[in-house]
N, C-alpha and C. Protein backbone atom coordinates (compact mmCIF):
# COMPACT_ATOMS: atom_id res chain seq x y z
N MET A 1 -132.96 241.04 -150.30
CA MET A 1 -133.30 239.87 -149.55
C MET A 1 -132.16 238.87 -149.65
N SER A 2 -131.80 238.24 -148.50
CA SER A 2 -130.68 237.30 -148.54
C SER A 2 -131.21 235.87 -148.45
N ASP A 3 -130.53 234.98 -149.17
CA ASP A 3 -130.93 233.57 -149.20
C ASP A 3 -130.02 232.73 -148.29
N THR A 4 -129.69 233.23 -147.16
CA THR A 4 -128.82 232.52 -146.25
C THR A 4 -129.63 231.54 -145.41
N VAL A 5 -129.17 230.31 -145.39
CA VAL A 5 -129.86 229.27 -144.61
C VAL A 5 -128.99 228.99 -143.39
N THR A 6 -129.56 229.07 -142.24
CA THR A 6 -128.80 228.76 -141.03
C THR A 6 -129.25 227.40 -140.51
N THR A 7 -128.27 226.60 -140.20
CA THR A 7 -128.59 225.28 -139.66
C THR A 7 -128.16 225.25 -138.20
N PRO A 8 -128.98 224.67 -137.37
CA PRO A 8 -128.61 224.62 -135.96
C PRO A 8 -127.41 223.69 -135.77
N LYS A 9 -126.54 224.07 -134.85
CA LYS A 9 -125.36 223.24 -134.57
C LYS A 9 -125.78 222.13 -133.62
N THR A 10 -125.50 220.92 -134.07
CA THR A 10 -125.85 219.78 -133.22
C THR A 10 -124.56 219.18 -132.68
N LYS A 11 -124.65 218.76 -131.46
CA LYS A 11 -123.49 218.16 -130.82
C LYS A 11 -123.67 216.64 -130.85
N VAL A 12 -122.68 215.96 -131.40
CA VAL A 12 -122.74 214.51 -131.48
C VAL A 12 -121.98 213.93 -130.30
N THR A 13 -122.68 213.12 -129.53
CA THR A 13 -121.99 212.45 -128.43
C THR A 13 -122.03 210.96 -128.71
N THR A 14 -120.92 210.32 -128.50
CA THR A 14 -120.85 208.88 -128.72
C THR A 14 -120.97 208.17 -127.38
N LYS A 15 -121.80 207.17 -127.38
CA LYS A 15 -121.97 206.39 -126.17
C LYS A 15 -120.98 205.23 -126.22
N VAL A 16 -120.26 205.09 -125.14
CA VAL A 16 -119.32 203.98 -125.05
C VAL A 16 -120.06 202.81 -124.43
N GLU A 17 -120.08 201.71 -125.14
CA GLU A 17 -120.79 200.54 -124.67
C GLU A 17 -119.80 199.50 -124.18
N ARG A 18 -120.14 198.84 -123.09
CA ARG A 18 -119.27 197.79 -122.59
C ARG A 18 -119.26 196.63 -123.58
N PRO A 19 -118.11 195.99 -123.73
CA PRO A 19 -118.07 194.85 -124.66
C PRO A 19 -118.93 193.70 -124.14
N ARG A 20 -119.56 192.99 -125.06
CA ARG A 20 -120.38 191.84 -124.66
C ARG A 20 -119.49 190.76 -124.08
N LEU A 21 -119.97 190.13 -123.05
CA LEU A 21 -119.20 189.08 -122.41
C LEU A 21 -119.56 187.72 -122.99
N HIS A 22 -118.58 186.81 -122.94
CA HIS A 22 -118.77 185.46 -123.45
C HIS A 22 -118.41 184.45 -122.37
N LYS A 23 -119.20 183.38 -122.31
CA LYS A 23 -118.95 182.31 -121.35
C LYS A 23 -118.01 181.28 -121.98
N VAL A 24 -117.09 180.78 -121.16
CA VAL A 24 -116.26 179.65 -121.58
C VAL A 24 -116.91 178.42 -120.97
N LEU A 25 -117.23 177.44 -121.81
CA LEU A 25 -117.92 176.23 -121.36
C LEU A 25 -117.01 175.02 -121.47
N LEU A 26 -117.04 174.17 -120.45
CA LEU A 26 -116.33 172.89 -120.47
C LEU A 26 -117.36 171.83 -120.83
N VAL A 27 -117.10 171.10 -121.92
CA VAL A 27 -118.00 170.05 -122.37
C VAL A 27 -117.45 168.70 -121.89
N ASN A 28 -118.30 167.92 -121.23
CA ASN A 28 -117.88 166.64 -120.69
C ASN A 28 -117.63 165.62 -121.80
N ASP A 29 -116.64 164.78 -121.58
CA ASP A 29 -116.43 163.61 -122.43
C ASP A 29 -116.05 162.45 -121.51
N ASP A 30 -116.15 161.23 -122.01
CA ASP A 30 -115.90 160.06 -121.17
C ASP A 30 -114.48 159.52 -121.30
N TYR A 31 -113.58 160.29 -121.91
CA TYR A 31 -112.24 159.77 -122.16
C TYR A 31 -111.13 160.56 -121.47
N THR A 32 -111.30 161.86 -121.32
CA THR A 32 -110.26 162.68 -120.70
C THR A 32 -110.24 162.42 -119.20
N PRO A 33 -109.07 162.07 -118.64
CA PRO A 33 -108.99 161.81 -117.19
C PRO A 33 -109.34 163.06 -116.38
N ARG A 34 -110.02 162.84 -115.28
CA ARG A 34 -110.44 163.94 -114.42
C ARG A 34 -109.25 164.77 -113.94
N GLU A 35 -108.17 164.09 -113.59
CA GLU A 35 -106.99 164.80 -113.08
C GLU A 35 -106.42 165.75 -114.13
N PHE A 36 -106.47 165.32 -115.40
CA PHE A 36 -105.96 166.17 -116.47
C PHE A 36 -106.84 167.41 -116.64
N VAL A 37 -108.15 167.22 -116.57
CA VAL A 37 -109.08 168.35 -116.69
C VAL A 37 -108.81 169.36 -115.57
N VAL A 38 -108.62 168.86 -114.35
CA VAL A 38 -108.33 169.74 -113.21
C VAL A 38 -107.03 170.49 -113.46
N THR A 39 -106.02 169.81 -113.97
CA THR A 39 -104.73 170.45 -114.26
C THR A 39 -104.88 171.57 -115.29
N VAL A 40 -105.65 171.34 -116.34
CA VAL A 40 -105.87 172.35 -117.37
C VAL A 40 -106.63 173.55 -116.80
N LEU A 41 -107.65 173.29 -116.01
CA LEU A 41 -108.43 174.38 -115.39
C LEU A 41 -107.54 175.23 -114.48
N LYS A 42 -106.68 174.59 -113.72
CA LYS A 42 -105.78 175.32 -112.84
C LYS A 42 -104.78 176.16 -113.64
N ALA A 43 -104.25 175.58 -114.70
CA ALA A 43 -103.23 176.26 -115.49
C ALA A 43 -103.80 177.41 -116.33
N GLU A 44 -104.88 177.15 -117.05
CA GLU A 44 -105.40 178.13 -118.00
C GLU A 44 -106.32 179.16 -117.36
N PHE A 45 -107.07 178.74 -116.34
CA PHE A 45 -108.06 179.64 -115.75
C PHE A 45 -107.68 180.07 -114.33
N ARG A 46 -106.48 179.71 -113.91
CA ARG A 46 -105.94 180.11 -112.60
C ARG A 46 -106.87 179.79 -111.44
N MET A 47 -107.39 178.58 -111.47
CA MET A 47 -108.28 178.13 -110.39
C MET A 47 -107.48 177.40 -109.32
N THR A 48 -108.05 177.36 -108.13
CA THR A 48 -107.44 176.54 -107.09
C THR A 48 -107.79 175.08 -107.38
N GLU A 49 -107.15 174.17 -106.69
CA GLU A 49 -107.43 172.74 -106.86
C GLU A 49 -108.91 172.45 -106.59
N ASP A 50 -109.44 173.05 -105.52
CA ASP A 50 -110.82 172.83 -105.12
C ASP A 50 -111.80 173.38 -106.15
N GLN A 51 -111.55 174.61 -106.64
CA GLN A 51 -112.43 175.21 -107.65
C GLN A 51 -112.42 174.38 -108.92
N ALA A 52 -111.24 173.98 -109.36
CA ALA A 52 -111.11 173.21 -110.59
C ALA A 52 -111.83 171.86 -110.47
N TYR A 53 -111.71 171.22 -109.32
CA TYR A 53 -112.37 169.93 -109.12
C TYR A 53 -113.89 170.09 -109.17
N LYS A 54 -114.41 171.15 -108.56
CA LYS A 54 -115.86 171.38 -108.56
C LYS A 54 -116.38 171.65 -109.98
N VAL A 55 -115.64 172.44 -110.76
CA VAL A 55 -116.04 172.73 -112.15
C VAL A 55 -116.03 171.44 -112.97
N MET A 56 -114.96 170.65 -112.81
CA MET A 56 -114.85 169.39 -113.55
C MET A 56 -116.00 168.46 -113.19
N LEU A 57 -116.32 168.36 -111.90
CA LEU A 57 -117.38 167.47 -111.44
C LEU A 57 -118.74 167.93 -111.95
N THR A 58 -118.99 169.24 -111.96
CA THR A 58 -120.25 169.78 -112.48
C THR A 58 -120.40 169.44 -113.96
N ALA A 59 -119.32 169.61 -114.74
CA ALA A 59 -119.37 169.26 -116.17
C ALA A 59 -119.62 167.77 -116.33
N HIS A 60 -119.00 166.97 -115.49
CA HIS A 60 -119.17 165.52 -115.57
C HIS A 60 -120.61 165.11 -115.29
N GLN A 61 -121.23 165.75 -114.30
CA GLN A 61 -122.59 165.39 -113.91
C GLN A 61 -123.65 165.97 -114.84
N ARG A 62 -123.45 167.18 -115.32
CA ARG A 62 -124.47 167.86 -116.13
C ARG A 62 -124.19 167.84 -117.63
N GLY A 63 -122.99 167.45 -118.02
CA GLY A 63 -122.64 167.41 -119.44
C GLY A 63 -121.91 168.64 -119.92
N VAL A 64 -122.14 169.77 -119.26
CA VAL A 64 -121.47 171.02 -119.62
C VAL A 64 -121.46 171.92 -118.40
N CYS A 65 -120.45 172.79 -118.32
CA CYS A 65 -120.35 173.69 -117.16
C CYS A 65 -119.70 175.00 -117.59
N VAL A 66 -120.21 176.12 -117.07
CA VAL A 66 -119.59 177.42 -117.32
C VAL A 66 -118.32 177.49 -116.48
N VAL A 67 -117.20 177.73 -117.14
CA VAL A 67 -115.91 177.81 -116.45
C VAL A 67 -115.66 179.23 -115.97
N ALA A 68 -115.84 180.20 -116.87
CA ALA A 68 -115.58 181.60 -116.54
C ALA A 68 -116.25 182.48 -117.60
N VAL A 69 -116.26 183.80 -117.35
CA VAL A 69 -116.85 184.75 -118.27
C VAL A 69 -115.82 185.84 -118.55
N PHE A 70 -115.58 186.11 -119.84
CA PHE A 70 -114.58 187.09 -120.27
C PHE A 70 -115.14 187.88 -121.45
N THR A 71 -114.34 188.85 -121.91
CA THR A 71 -114.65 189.49 -123.19
C THR A 71 -114.46 188.45 -124.27
N LYS A 72 -115.01 188.68 -125.45
CA LYS A 72 -115.00 187.68 -126.52
C LYS A 72 -113.60 187.19 -126.86
N ASP A 73 -112.66 188.10 -127.07
CA ASP A 73 -111.31 187.71 -127.46
C ASP A 73 -110.63 186.85 -126.40
N VAL A 74 -110.75 187.25 -125.15
CA VAL A 74 -110.11 186.50 -124.06
C VAL A 74 -110.76 185.12 -123.92
N ALA A 75 -112.08 185.08 -123.99
CA ALA A 75 -112.80 183.80 -123.87
C ALA A 75 -112.38 182.83 -124.97
N GLU A 76 -112.33 183.32 -126.20
CA GLU A 76 -111.96 182.45 -127.32
C GLU A 76 -110.53 181.97 -127.21
N THR A 77 -109.64 182.85 -126.78
CA THR A 77 -108.23 182.48 -126.63
C THR A 77 -108.07 181.41 -125.56
N LYS A 78 -108.68 181.61 -124.41
CA LYS A 78 -108.57 180.65 -123.32
C LYS A 78 -109.19 179.30 -123.70
N ALA A 79 -110.35 179.33 -124.33
CA ALA A 79 -111.01 178.09 -124.75
C ALA A 79 -110.14 177.33 -125.75
N THR A 80 -109.55 178.04 -126.69
CA THR A 80 -108.69 177.40 -127.69
C THR A 80 -107.45 176.81 -127.04
N ARG A 81 -106.80 177.56 -126.16
CA ARG A 81 -105.60 177.06 -125.50
C ARG A 81 -105.87 175.85 -124.63
N ALA A 82 -107.00 175.87 -123.92
CA ALA A 82 -107.35 174.74 -123.06
C ALA A 82 -107.69 173.50 -123.90
N THR A 83 -108.42 173.69 -124.99
CA THR A 83 -108.75 172.58 -125.88
C THR A 83 -107.48 172.02 -126.51
N ASP A 84 -106.58 172.90 -126.94
CA ASP A 84 -105.32 172.47 -127.54
C ASP A 84 -104.45 171.68 -126.57
N ALA A 85 -104.51 172.03 -125.28
CA ALA A 85 -103.74 171.30 -124.27
C ALA A 85 -104.21 169.84 -124.22
N GLY A 86 -105.51 169.64 -124.32
CA GLY A 86 -106.05 168.28 -124.35
C GLY A 86 -105.67 167.55 -125.62
N ARG A 87 -105.77 168.24 -126.75
CA ARG A 87 -105.42 167.62 -128.04
C ARG A 87 -103.94 167.20 -128.07
N ALA A 88 -103.10 168.01 -127.45
CA ALA A 88 -101.66 167.70 -127.44
C ALA A 88 -101.38 166.39 -126.70
N LYS A 89 -102.24 166.05 -125.76
CA LYS A 89 -102.08 164.79 -125.00
C LYS A 89 -102.93 163.66 -125.59
N GLY A 90 -103.65 163.97 -126.66
CA GLY A 90 -104.46 162.95 -127.32
C GLY A 90 -105.85 162.78 -126.74
N TYR A 91 -106.33 163.75 -125.96
CA TYR A 91 -107.66 163.68 -125.35
C TYR A 91 -108.66 164.53 -126.13
N PRO A 92 -109.93 164.11 -126.12
CA PRO A 92 -110.96 164.90 -126.82
C PRO A 92 -111.53 166.04 -125.96
N LEU A 93 -110.73 166.59 -125.07
CA LEU A 93 -111.16 167.68 -124.19
C LEU A 93 -111.66 168.84 -125.04
N LEU A 94 -112.82 169.42 -124.65
CA LEU A 94 -113.40 170.49 -125.46
C LEU A 94 -113.91 171.63 -124.59
N PHE A 95 -113.44 172.81 -124.90
CA PHE A 95 -113.93 174.05 -124.32
C PHE A 95 -114.52 174.88 -125.45
N THR A 96 -115.69 175.45 -125.23
CA THR A 96 -116.33 176.28 -126.25
C THR A 96 -116.70 177.63 -125.62
N THR A 97 -117.16 178.55 -126.46
CA THR A 97 -117.60 179.85 -125.94
C THR A 97 -118.98 180.15 -126.51
N GLU A 98 -119.72 180.98 -125.77
CA GLU A 98 -121.01 181.47 -126.28
C GLU A 98 -121.29 182.81 -125.61
N PRO A 99 -122.02 183.69 -126.29
CA PRO A 99 -122.32 185.00 -125.71
C PRO A 99 -123.16 184.84 -124.44
N GLU A 100 -122.88 185.73 -123.49
CA GLU A 100 -123.69 185.74 -122.27
C GLU A 100 -124.98 186.50 -122.56
N GLU A 101 -126.08 186.06 -121.97
CA GLU A 101 -127.38 186.70 -122.23
C GLU A 101 -127.53 187.97 -121.46
């Protein structure tokens, strides 16, 4: 009698999941000039003058506005660079990120 144990061969498949997306948010403040905010939006997020103005106005009216949606690394980098552009000029301009639902 043989004590050989046979185990079935299982095939492991890995599911590739899309990376979670993050929103870049523009937070309104009462000190940063509107023109400067539009300039930063155009430079960092490659918006047209009209798009940038609408985003800035929405943030001004509602207190916060979604600027764009990216992967986590890109969103954090863009938010940091845009916030730093404001800080370099002495403005309290703030961009933040949060996961998209």
